[in-house]
Amino acid sequence: MRGRSDLTTLRRACRAEWTKLRTEAGHGWLLLGLVLVTVAIGAAVSASVRCPAVGCGQDQVRLSLAGVMVSQTLVAITAVLLVGNEYGSGLIRTTLASVPRRGTVLAAKATVLSGTVLVVGGVAVLAAVLVGRLVLPGSGHTSVHGYAPLSLADGPTLRAAAGSVLYLVLVALLALGVAVAVRDAAVAVGVVLALLHLFPLLSHIVTDPHLQRLLARIGPMPAGLAIQATTNLRHLPISPWAGMGVLSLWAVTMLLVGGTVLRLRDA
């Protein structure tokens, strides 16, 4: 009976979080921006990176999905505002009064956020691949130069596309955990962006190749985006799915930290 009651409470909390996500100003524009940015930047990169001859070595799948590296910022902001707006307005007290179990509140936010980013991110990535299929031949990525047209029927391409959607979902959950722990929206966005970009920045500063490789293996963004690679996999610092595992650990850790802070501190 208690399990059924908890499930009912979670469903009610999910409906409330979905209503907030749909009705609060900004979320819709951020999600629309996610699609537009992912497609536009992918198209621009696909058109600008030339392949003049056989063996140019470009990963055309990664080129078409280049926009994910930028649109992840919009995902992070969406996740942060899902929490930050409530703390900024004081609505969090109402939320916690209606759903006293704070773990349920966090689970509802994570469920609604994940589902939304999964759908919108899926649309963005699919559109980016389709646009890349149209644009890449114009920059020399043709069968004459050893490139088949982009197709989700190709295993590595499908893995890169599906993995990019999963990447966006995990970034959203990471950002949600940080936002719950920090509470201030502006600070939370700064922390998330620092976590994502710090490791690539450090890898460009240090000169030791072993340390560079380590940073690429443990950083949430470089490890997670390894999922997009479809060529020269043996030369990657970390394999695609192992990199996704690293990002998953970051997301779970941040959610655990956020959940602990949520339980221990007053609203």
Protein backbone atom coordinates (compact mmCIF):
# COMPACT_ATOMS: atom_id res chain seq x y z
CA MET A 1 0.00 0.00 0.00
CA ARG A 2 2.82 2.39 0.87
CA GLY A 3 4.54 1.69 -2.45
CA ARG A 4 1.33 2.47 -4.32
CA SER A 5 0.92 5.68 -2.31
CA ASP A 6 4.51 6.72 -3.09
CA LEU A 7 3.91 6.08 -6.79
CA THR A 8 0.75 8.18 -6.73
CA THR A 9 2.64 10.98 -5.00
CA LEU A 10 5.39 10.80 -7.61
CA ARG A 11 2.87 10.96 -10.44
CA ARG A 12 1.21 13.98 -8.88
CA ALA A 13 4.59 15.64 -8.40
CA CYS A 14 5.52 14.91 -12.03
CA ARG A 15 2.31 16.52 -13.26
CA ALA A 16 3.08 19.60 -11.20
CA GLU A 17 6.65 19.79 -12.53
CA TRP A 18 5.44 19.36 -16.10
CA THR A 19 2.99 22.23 -15.59
CA LYS A 20 5.80 24.45 -14.31
CA LEU A 21 8.04 23.53 -17.23
CA ARG A 22 5.30 24.30 -19.76
CA THR A 23 4.07 27.53 -18.24
CA GLU A 24 7.14 29.29 -16.83
CA ALA A 25 8.64 31.92 -19.11
CA GLY A 26 11.84 31.00 -20.85
CA HIS A 27 11.73 27.22 -20.93
CA GLY A 28 9.96 27.02 -24.29
CA TRP A 29 12.40 29.43 -25.92
CA LEU A 30 15.39 27.58 -24.49
CA LEU A 31 14.13 24.26 -25.84
CA LEU A 32 13.39 25.78 -29.23
CA GLY A 33 16.88 27.26 -29.17
CA LEU A 34 18.26 23.80 -28.42
CA VAL A 35 16.87 22.51 -31.72
CA LEU A 36 17.86 25.55 -33.78
CA VAL A 37 21.38 25.80 -32.40
CA THR A 38 22.09 22.09 -32.76
CA VAL A 39 20.97 22.10 -36.39
CA ALA A 40 22.45 25.48 -37.40
CA ILE A 41 25.91 24.92 -35.96
CA GLY A 42 26.04 21.36 -37.26
CA ALA A 43 25.13 22.62 -40.73
CA ALA A 44 27.69 25.44 -40.57
CA VAL A 45 30.50 23.15 -39.48
CA SER A 46 29.54 20.51 -42.07
CA ALA A 47 29.63 23.12 -44.80
CA SER A 48 32.88 24.76 -43.70
CA VAL A 49 35.12 21.72 -43.08
CA ARG A 50 36.32 20.68 -46.51
CA CYS A 51 37.31 17.21 -47.68
CA PRO A 52 39.24 17.86 -50.92
CA ALA A 53 40.51 14.32 -51.49
CA VAL A 54 40.39 10.71 -50.38
CA GLY A 55 41.79 10.21 -46.90
CA CYS A 56 41.06 13.69 -45.55
CA GLY A 57 40.32 12.02 -42.21
CA GLN A 58 37.19 13.92 -41.20
CA ASP A 59 34.52 12.29 -39.05
CA GLN A 60 31.41 13.46 -40.90
CA VAL A 61 29.05 12.22 -38.20
CA ARG A 62 30.84 14.28 -35.59
CA LEU A 63 30.78 17.30 -37.88
CA SER A 64 27.01 17.12 -38.27
CA LEU A 65 26.58 16.81 -34.48
CA ALA A 66 28.98 19.64 -33.61
CA GLY A 67 26.07 21.80 -32.45
CA VAL A 68 25.54 19.57 -29.41
CA MET A 69 28.65 21.08 -27.81
CA VAL A 70 26.96 24.49 -27.87
CA SER A 71 23.33 23.50 -27.28
CA GLN A 72 24.30 21.68 -24.08
CA THR A 73 24.53 25.14 -22.51
CA LEU A 74 20.84 25.72 -23.24
CA VAL A 75 20.04 22.34 -21.70
CA ALA A 76 22.00 23.24 -18.58
CA ILE A 77 20.22 26.59 -18.26
CA THR A 78 16.83 24.90 -18.66
CA ALA A 79 17.69 22.46 -15.87
CA VAL A 80 19.00 25.18 -13.58
CA LEU A 81 15.93 27.39 -14.07
CA LEU A 82 13.67 24.47 -13.20
CA VAL A 83 15.06 24.79 -9.67
CA GLY A 84 16.40 28.34 -9.57
CA ASN A 85 13.09 29.96 -10.45
CA GLU A 86 11.41 28.24 -7.52
CA TYR A 87 14.04 29.33 -5.04
CA GLY A 88 14.11 32.84 -6.46
CA SER A 89 10.34 33.27 -6.16
CA GLY A 90 9.91 31.34 -2.91
CA LEU A 91 7.63 28.83 -4.66
CA ILE A 92 9.86 26.02 -3.41
CA ARG A 93 8.16 26.29 -0.01
CA THR A 94 4.82 25.55 -1.63
CA THR A 95 6.32 22.65 -3.56
CA LEU A 96 7.83 21.10 -0.44
CA ALA A 97 4.64 21.66 1.52
CA SER A 98 2.56 19.79 -1.08
CA VAL A 99 5.16 17.02 -1.44
CA PRO A 100 6.97 16.69 1.91
CA ARG A 101 9.24 13.86 0.74
CA ARG A 102 12.09 15.83 -0.78
CA GLY A 103 13.50 12.84 -2.58
CA THR A 104 10.19 12.59 -4.43
CA VAL A 105 10.40 16.25 -5.44
CA LEU A 106 13.88 15.74 -6.89
CA ALA A 107 12.82 12.51 -8.61
CA ALA A 108 9.85 14.27 -10.21
CA LYS A 109 12.02 17.12 -11.46
CA ALA A 110 14.57 14.66 -12.84
CA THR A 111 11.87 12.57 -14.55
CA VAL A 112 10.15 15.51 -16.24
CA LEU A 113 13.44 17.13 -17.22
CA SER A 114 14.86 13.89 -18.63
CA GLY A 115 11.74 13.13 -20.65
CA THR A 116 11.58 16.64 -22.07
CA VAL A 117 15.25 16.78 -23.04
CA LEU A 118 15.02 13.26 -24.46
CA VAL A 119 12.21 14.27 -26.83
CA VAL A 120 13.49 17.73 -27.78
CA GLY A 121 17.10 16.56 -27.97
CA GLY A 122 16.01 13.65 -30.14
CA VAL A 123 14.33 16.03 -32.58
CA ALA A 124 17.42 18.28 -32.61
CA VAL A 125 19.88 15.46 -33.22
CA LEU A 126 17.72 13.79 -35.88
CA ALA A 127 17.35 17.10 -37.71
CA ALA A 128 21.11 17.73 -37.45
CA VAL A 129 21.87 14.35 -39.01
CA LEU A 130 19.36 14.91 -41.82
CA VAL A 131 20.76 18.38 -42.55
CA GLY A 132 24.28 16.98 -42.42
CA ARG A 133 23.30 14.37 -45.00
CA LEU A 134 22.29 17.20 -47.32
CA VAL A 135 25.16 19.60 -46.60
CA LEU A 136 28.21 17.33 -46.27
CA PRO A 137 28.45 16.29 -49.95
CA GLY A 138 28.80 19.95 -50.86
CA SER A 139 31.97 20.20 -48.77
CA GLY A 140 33.56 17.18 -50.41
CA HIS A 141 32.29 14.37 -48.17
CA THR A 142 31.21 12.22 -51.09
CA SER A 143 31.54 8.60 -52.17
CA VAL A 144 34.39 9.66 -54.46
CA HIS A 145 36.33 10.68 -51.34
CA GLY A 146 35.31 7.59 -49.42
CA TYR A 147 32.20 8.83 -47.60
CA ALA A 148 28.79 7.23 -47.76
CA PRO A 149 25.75 9.49 -47.18
CA LEU A 150 24.86 9.84 -43.50
CA SER A 151 22.27 7.28 -42.48
CA LEU A 152 20.90 6.13 -39.14
CA ALA A 153 20.87 2.64 -40.62
CA ASP A 154 24.64 2.71 -40.16
CA GLY A 155 25.54 1.35 -36.72
CA PRO A 156 28.22 3.89 -35.71
CA THR A 157 26.06 6.79 -36.93
CA LEU A 158 23.07 5.53 -34.96
CA ARG A 159 25.24 5.09 -31.87
CA ALA A 160 26.62 8.62 -32.21
CA ALA A 161 23.16 10.12 -32.70
CA ALA A 162 21.47 8.20 -29.88
CA GLY A 163 24.48 8.82 -27.66
CA SER A 164 24.29 12.56 -28.33
CA VAL A 165 20.68 12.60 -27.12
CA LEU A 166 21.70 10.65 -24.02
CA TYR A 167 24.56 13.10 -23.54
CA LEU A 168 22.13 16.02 -23.42
CA VAL A 169 19.92 14.18 -20.92
CA LEU A 170 22.88 13.48 -18.63
CA VAL A 171 24.08 17.08 -18.84
CA ALA A 172 20.57 18.16 -17.83
CA LEU A 173 20.63 15.85 -14.80
CA LEU A 174 24.12 17.01 -13.84
CA ALA A 175 22.92 20.60 -14.00
CA LEU A 176 19.81 19.77 -12.01
CA GLY A 177 21.91 18.27 -9.22
CA VAL A 178 24.16 21.32 -9.13
CA ALA A 179 21.18 23.68 -9.11
CA VAL A 180 19.53 21.89 -6.18
CA ALA A 181 22.77 22.04 -4.22
CA VAL A 182 23.64 25.67 -5.06
CA ARG A 183 20.09 27.09 -5.28
CA ASP A 184 21.16 30.33 -6.93
CA ALA A 185 20.51 30.10 -10.69
CA ALA A 186 23.37 32.32 -11.87
CA VAL A 187 25.92 30.58 -9.66
CA ALA A 188 24.62 27.16 -10.66
CA VAL A 189 24.97 27.93 -14.38
CA GLY A 190 28.53 29.09 -13.75
CA VAL A 191 29.39 25.93 -11.84
CA VAL A 192 27.92 23.65 -14.52
CA LEU A 193 29.71 25.43 -17.36
CA ALA A 194 32.94 25.32 -15.37
CA LEU A 195 32.58 21.57 -14.85
CA LEU A 196 31.93 21.02 -18.55
CA HIS A 197 34.66 23.28 -19.95
CA LEU A 198 37.37 23.14 -17.28
CA PHE A 199 38.85 19.81 -18.36
CA PRO A 200 39.14 20.69 -22.09
CA LEU A 201 40.68 24.03 -21.09
CA LEU A 202 43.23 22.38 -18.84
CA SER A 203 44.10 19.83 -21.52
CA HIS A 204 45.07 22.74 -23.80
CA ILE A 205 47.18 24.35 -21.08
CA VAL A 206 49.18 21.34 -19.89
CA THR A 207 51.91 19.94 -22.12
CA ASP A 208 52.22 16.44 -20.69
CA PRO A 209 50.43 14.10 -23.17
CA HIS A 210 49.66 11.59 -20.41
CA LEU A 211 47.98 14.27 -18.31
CA GLN A 212 46.10 15.53 -21.37
CA ARG A 213 44.80 12.02 -21.97
CA LEU A 214 43.79 11.67 -18.32
CA LEU A 215 41.86 14.94 -18.40
CA ALA A 216 40.03 13.78 -21.52
CA ARG A 217 39.13 10.54 -19.78
CA ILE A 218 37.73 12.04 -16.57
CA GLY A 219 36.14 15.29 -17.75
CA PRO A 220 32.36 15.09 -18.19
CA MET A 221 32.31 16.87 -21.57
CA PRO A 222 35.33 15.33 -23.36
CA ALA A 223 34.52 11.86 -22.04
CA GLY A 224 30.81 12.14 -22.83
CA LEU A 225 31.28 13.55 -26.33
CA ALA A 226 33.49 10.60 -27.26
CA ILE A 227 30.16 8.92 -28.03
CA GLN A 228 30.01 10.98 -31.24
CA ALA A 229 33.20 9.53 -32.71
CA THR A 230 32.81 7.05 -35.55
CA THR A 231 36.38 6.98 -36.92
CA ASN A 232 39.82 6.29 -35.43
CA LEU A 233 38.27 4.88 -32.27
CA ARG A 234 41.53 3.24 -31.24
CA HIS A 235 43.16 6.65 -30.88
CA LEU A 236 40.50 8.07 -28.58
CA PRO A 237 41.52 8.72 -24.95
CA ILE A 238 38.41 6.77 -23.91
CA SER A 239 35.99 4.53 -25.78
CA PRO A 240 32.55 5.96 -26.63
CA TRP A 241 30.45 4.01 -24.15
CA ALA A 242 33.07 4.17 -21.41
CA GLY A 243 33.05 7.94 -21.85
CA MET A 244 29.28 7.93 -21.49
CA GLY A 245 29.76 5.96 -18.29
CA VAL A 246 32.05 8.70 -16.94
CA LEU A 247 29.44 11.36 -17.68
CA SER A 248 26.79 9.19 -16.03
CA LEU A 249 28.92 9.03 -12.87
CA TRP A 250 29.20 12.82 -12.86
CA ALA A 251 25.43 13.18 -13.25
CA VAL A 252 24.63 10.64 -10.54
CA THR A 253 27.15 12.21 -8.18
CA MET A 254 25.71 15.69 -8.66
CA LEU A 255 22.17 14.39 -8.13
CA LEU A 256 23.25 12.65 -4.92
CA VAL A 257 24.94 15.82 -3.69
CA GLY A 258 21.89 17.89 -4.58
CA GLY A 259 19.52 15.40 -2.99
CA THR A 260 21.56 15.33 0.22
CA VAL A 261 21.63 19.12 0.44
CA LEU A 262 17.90 19.27 -0.28
CA ARG A 263 17.17 16.91 2.62
CA LEU A 264 19.50 18.56 5.10
CA ARG A 265 18.81 22.25 4.49
CA ASP A 266 15.66 24.25 5.02
CA ALA A 267 13.87 25.68 1.99
